[in-house]
C-alpha atoms as a PDB file:
ATOM      1  CA  UNK A   1    -101.669  56.047  81.274  1.00  0.00           C
ATOM      2  CA  UNK A   2     -98.535  53.997  79.504  1.00  0.00           C
ATOM      3  CA  UNK A   3    -100.978  51.564  79.148  1.00  0.00           C
ATOM      4  CA  UNK A   4    -103.472  53.122  77.648  1.00  0.00           C
ATOM      5  CA  UNK A   5    -101.373  55.385  75.027  1.00  0.00           C
ATOM      6  CA  UNK A   6     -99.636  51.734  74.010  1.00  0.00           C
ATOM      7  CA  UNK A   7    -103.211  50.174  73.260  1.00  0.00           C
ATOM      8  CA  UNK A   8    -104.017  53.311  71.416  1.00  0.00           C
ATOM      9  CA  UNK A   9    -101.121  53.029  69.407  1.00  0.00           C
ATOM     10  CA  UNK A  10    -101.562  49.766  68.567  1.00  0.00           C
ATOM     11  CA  UNK A  11    -104.486  50.238  67.747  1.00  0.00           C
ATOM     12  CA  UNK A  12    -104.038  53.197  65.534  1.00  0.00           C
ATOM     13  CA  UNK A  13    -100.921  51.199  63.944  1.00  0.00           C
ATOM     14  CA  UNK A  14    -103.377  47.754  62.719  1.00  0.00           C
ATOM     15  CA  UNK A  15    -105.455  50.111  61.059  1.00  0.00           C
ATOM     16  CA  UNK A  16    -103.726  51.950  59.311  1.00  0.00           C
ATOM     17  CA  UNK A  17    -101.959  48.774  58.466  1.00  0.00           C
ATOM     18  CA  UNK A  18    -105.048  46.937  57.815  1.00  0.00           C
ATOM     19  CA  UNK A  19    -106.631  50.026  55.337  1.00  0.00           C
ATOM     20  CA  UNK A  20    -103.087  50.053  53.557  1.00  0.00           C
ATOM     21  CA  UNK A  21    -103.558  45.864  52.726  1.00  0.00           C
ATOM     22  CA  UNK A  22    -107.521  46.668  51.447  1.00  0.00           C
ATOM     23  CA  UNK A  23    -105.906  49.405  49.433  1.00  0.00           C
ATOM     24  CA  UNK A  24    -103.691  47.900  47.805  1.00  0.00           C
ATOM     25  CA  UNK A  25    -105.255  44.704  47.118  1.00  0.00           C
ATOM     26  CA  UNK A  26    -108.103  46.891  45.431  1.00  0.00           C
ATOM     27  CA  UNK A  27    -105.597  48.923  43.611  1.00  0.00           C
ATOM     28  CA  UNK A  28    -103.423  45.081  42.270  1.00  0.00           C
ATOM     29  CA  UNK A  29    -107.336  44.275  41.153  1.00  0.00           C
ATOM     30  CA  UNK A  30    -108.342  47.441  38.898  1.00  0.00           C
ATOM     31  CA  UNK A  31    -104.504  46.450  37.457  1.00  0.00           C
ATOM     32  CA  UNK A  32    -105.339  43.440  36.459  1.00  0.00           C
ATOM     33  CA  UNK A  33    -109.117  44.170  35.383  1.00  0.00           C
ATOM     34  CA  UNK A  34    -107.985  46.471  32.617  1.00  0.00           C
ATOM     35  CA  UNK A  35    -105.915  44.996  29.536  1.00  0.00           C
ATOM     36  CA  UNK A  36    -102.715  45.982  28.207  1.00  0.00           C
ATOM     37  CA  UNK A  37    -102.725  49.185  25.859  1.00  0.00           C
ATOM     38  CA  UNK A  38    -100.672  48.384  22.736  1.00  0.00           C
ATOM     39  CA  UNK A  39     -98.433  51.106  23.860  1.00  0.00           C
ATOM     40  CA  UNK A  40     -97.500  49.019  27.084  1.00  0.00           C
ATOM     41  CA  UNK A  41     -97.112  45.810  25.192  1.00  0.00           C
ATOM     42  CA  UNK A  42     -94.175  47.311  23.013  1.00  0.00           C
ATOM     43  CA  UNK A  43     -92.882  48.905  26.188  1.00  0.00           C
ATOM     44  CA  UNK A  44     -92.456  45.051  27.635  1.00  0.00           C
ATOM     45  CA  UNK A  45     -92.039  42.951  24.781  1.00  0.00           C
ATOM     46  CA  UNK A  46     -90.951  44.886  21.252  1.00  0.00           C
ATOM     47  CA  UNK A  47     -87.190  43.928  21.405  1.00  0.00           C
ATOM     48  CA  UNK A  48     -86.313  44.946  18.071  1.00  0.00           C
ATOM     49  CA  UNK A  49     -88.245  48.793  19.204  1.00  0.00           C
ATOM     50  CA  UNK A  50     -89.597  48.576  15.689  1.00  0.00           C
ATOM     51  CA  UNK A  51     -93.376  49.543  16.729  1.00  0.00           C
ATOM     52  CA  UNK A  52     -95.012  46.143  15.560  1.00  0.00           C
ATOM     53  CA  UNK A  53     -94.531  42.870  17.543  1.00  0.00           C
ATOM     54  CA  UNK A  54     -93.821  39.549  15.872  1.00  0.00           C
ATOM     55  CA  UNK A  55     -94.825  36.142  16.919  1.00  0.00           C
ATOM     56  CA  UNK A  56     -91.314  35.571  18.252  1.00  0.00           C
ATOM     57  CA  UNK A  57     -91.390  38.792  20.544  1.00  0.00           C
ATOM     58  CA  UNK A  58     -94.734  38.143  22.045  1.00  0.00           C
ATOM     59  CA  UNK A  59     -95.939  35.676  25.069  1.00  0.00           C
ATOM     60  CA  UNK A  60     -98.921  34.845  26.816  1.00  0.00           C
ATOM     61  CA  UNK A  61    -102.567  34.967  25.217  1.00  0.00           C
ATOM     62  CA  UNK A  62    -101.404  37.168  22.182  1.00  0.00           C
ATOM     63  CA  UNK A  63     -99.190  34.597  21.507  1.00  0.00           C
ATOM     64  CA  UNK A  64    -101.719  32.023  21.368  1.00  0.00           C
ATOM     65  CA  UNK A  65    -104.379  34.564  19.089  1.00  0.00           C
ATOM     66  CA  UNK A  66    -101.453  35.441  16.510  1.00  0.00           C
ATOM     67  CA  UNK A  67    -103.403  34.749  13.835  1.00  0.00           C
ATOM     68  CA  UNK A  68    -106.515  35.793  14.707  1.00  0.00           C
ATOM     69  CA  UNK A  69    -104.776  39.353  15.260  1.00  0.00           C
ATOM     70  CA  UNK A  70    -102.296  39.741  12.553  1.00  0.00           C
ATOM     71  CA  UNK A  71    -105.245  40.762  10.146  1.00  0.00           C
ATOM     72  CA  UNK A  72    -102.917  40.771   6.568  1.00  0.00           C
ATOM     73  CA  UNK A  73    -100.697  37.744   7.794  1.00  0.00           C
ATOM     74  CA  UNK A  74     -97.309  39.814   7.125  1.00  0.00           C
ATOM     75  CA  UNK A  75     -96.154  37.854  10.591  1.00  0.00           C
ATOM     76  CA  UNK A  76     -96.466  41.662  12.670  1.00  0.00           C
ATOM     77  CA  UNK A  77     -99.004  42.758  14.773  1.00  0.00           C
ATOM     78  CA  UNK A  78     -99.322  46.872  14.534  1.00  0.00           C
ATOM     79  CA  UNK A  79    -101.273  49.183  16.653  1.00  0.00           C
ATOM     80  CA  UNK A  80    -104.271  49.003  14.197  1.00  0.00           C
ATOM     81  CA  UNK A  81    -104.026  45.313  13.891  1.00  0.00           C
ATOM     82  CA  UNK A  82    -104.175  45.258  17.408  1.00  0.00           C
ATOM     83  CA  UNK A  83    -107.334  47.712  17.898  1.00  0.00           C
ATOM     84  CA  UNK A  84    -109.277  45.596  15.652  1.00  0.00           C
ATOM     85  CA  UNK A  85    -108.648  42.368  17.530  1.00  0.00           C
ATOM     86  CA  UNK A  86    -111.515  40.004  18.663  1.00  0.00           C
ATOM     87  CA  UNK A  87    -111.261  40.719  22.799  1.00  0.00           C
ATOM     88  CA  UNK A  88    -110.507  37.945  24.797  1.00  0.00           C
ATOM     89  CA  UNK A  89    -113.043  35.748  27.064  1.00  0.00           C
ATOM     90  CA  UNK A  90    -113.072  36.603  30.486  1.00  0.00           C
ATOM     91  CA  UNK A  91    -111.446  33.696  32.413  1.00  0.00           C
ATOM     92  CA  UNK A  92    -113.971  31.801  35.107  1.00  0.00           C
ATOM     93  CA  UNK A  93    -113.283  32.673  38.649  1.00  0.00           C
ATOM     94  CA  UNK A  94    -112.801  29.738  40.703  1.00  0.00           C
ATOM     95  CA  UNK A  95    -114.003  30.591  44.576  1.00  0.00           C
END
């Protein structure tokens, strides 16, 4: 009887663990699919807290496309400019 209870416990634990891993991976994939909002970028990168992003403050693809996004060429990206920014092309997946 103890053997069956142990096997059941191990199986339940294994199923719970696998479910948690699969659910966690799906959740991370969902997070990666949606681009960050301007508010999220400000929270992460706006060092001087002026509500705008300068080229010195940003990193990654946003920095590479800074000139395309900074429409009035004042050296700052505002929320309005961010809304009008061209959407980045999706990267091809390597399988």
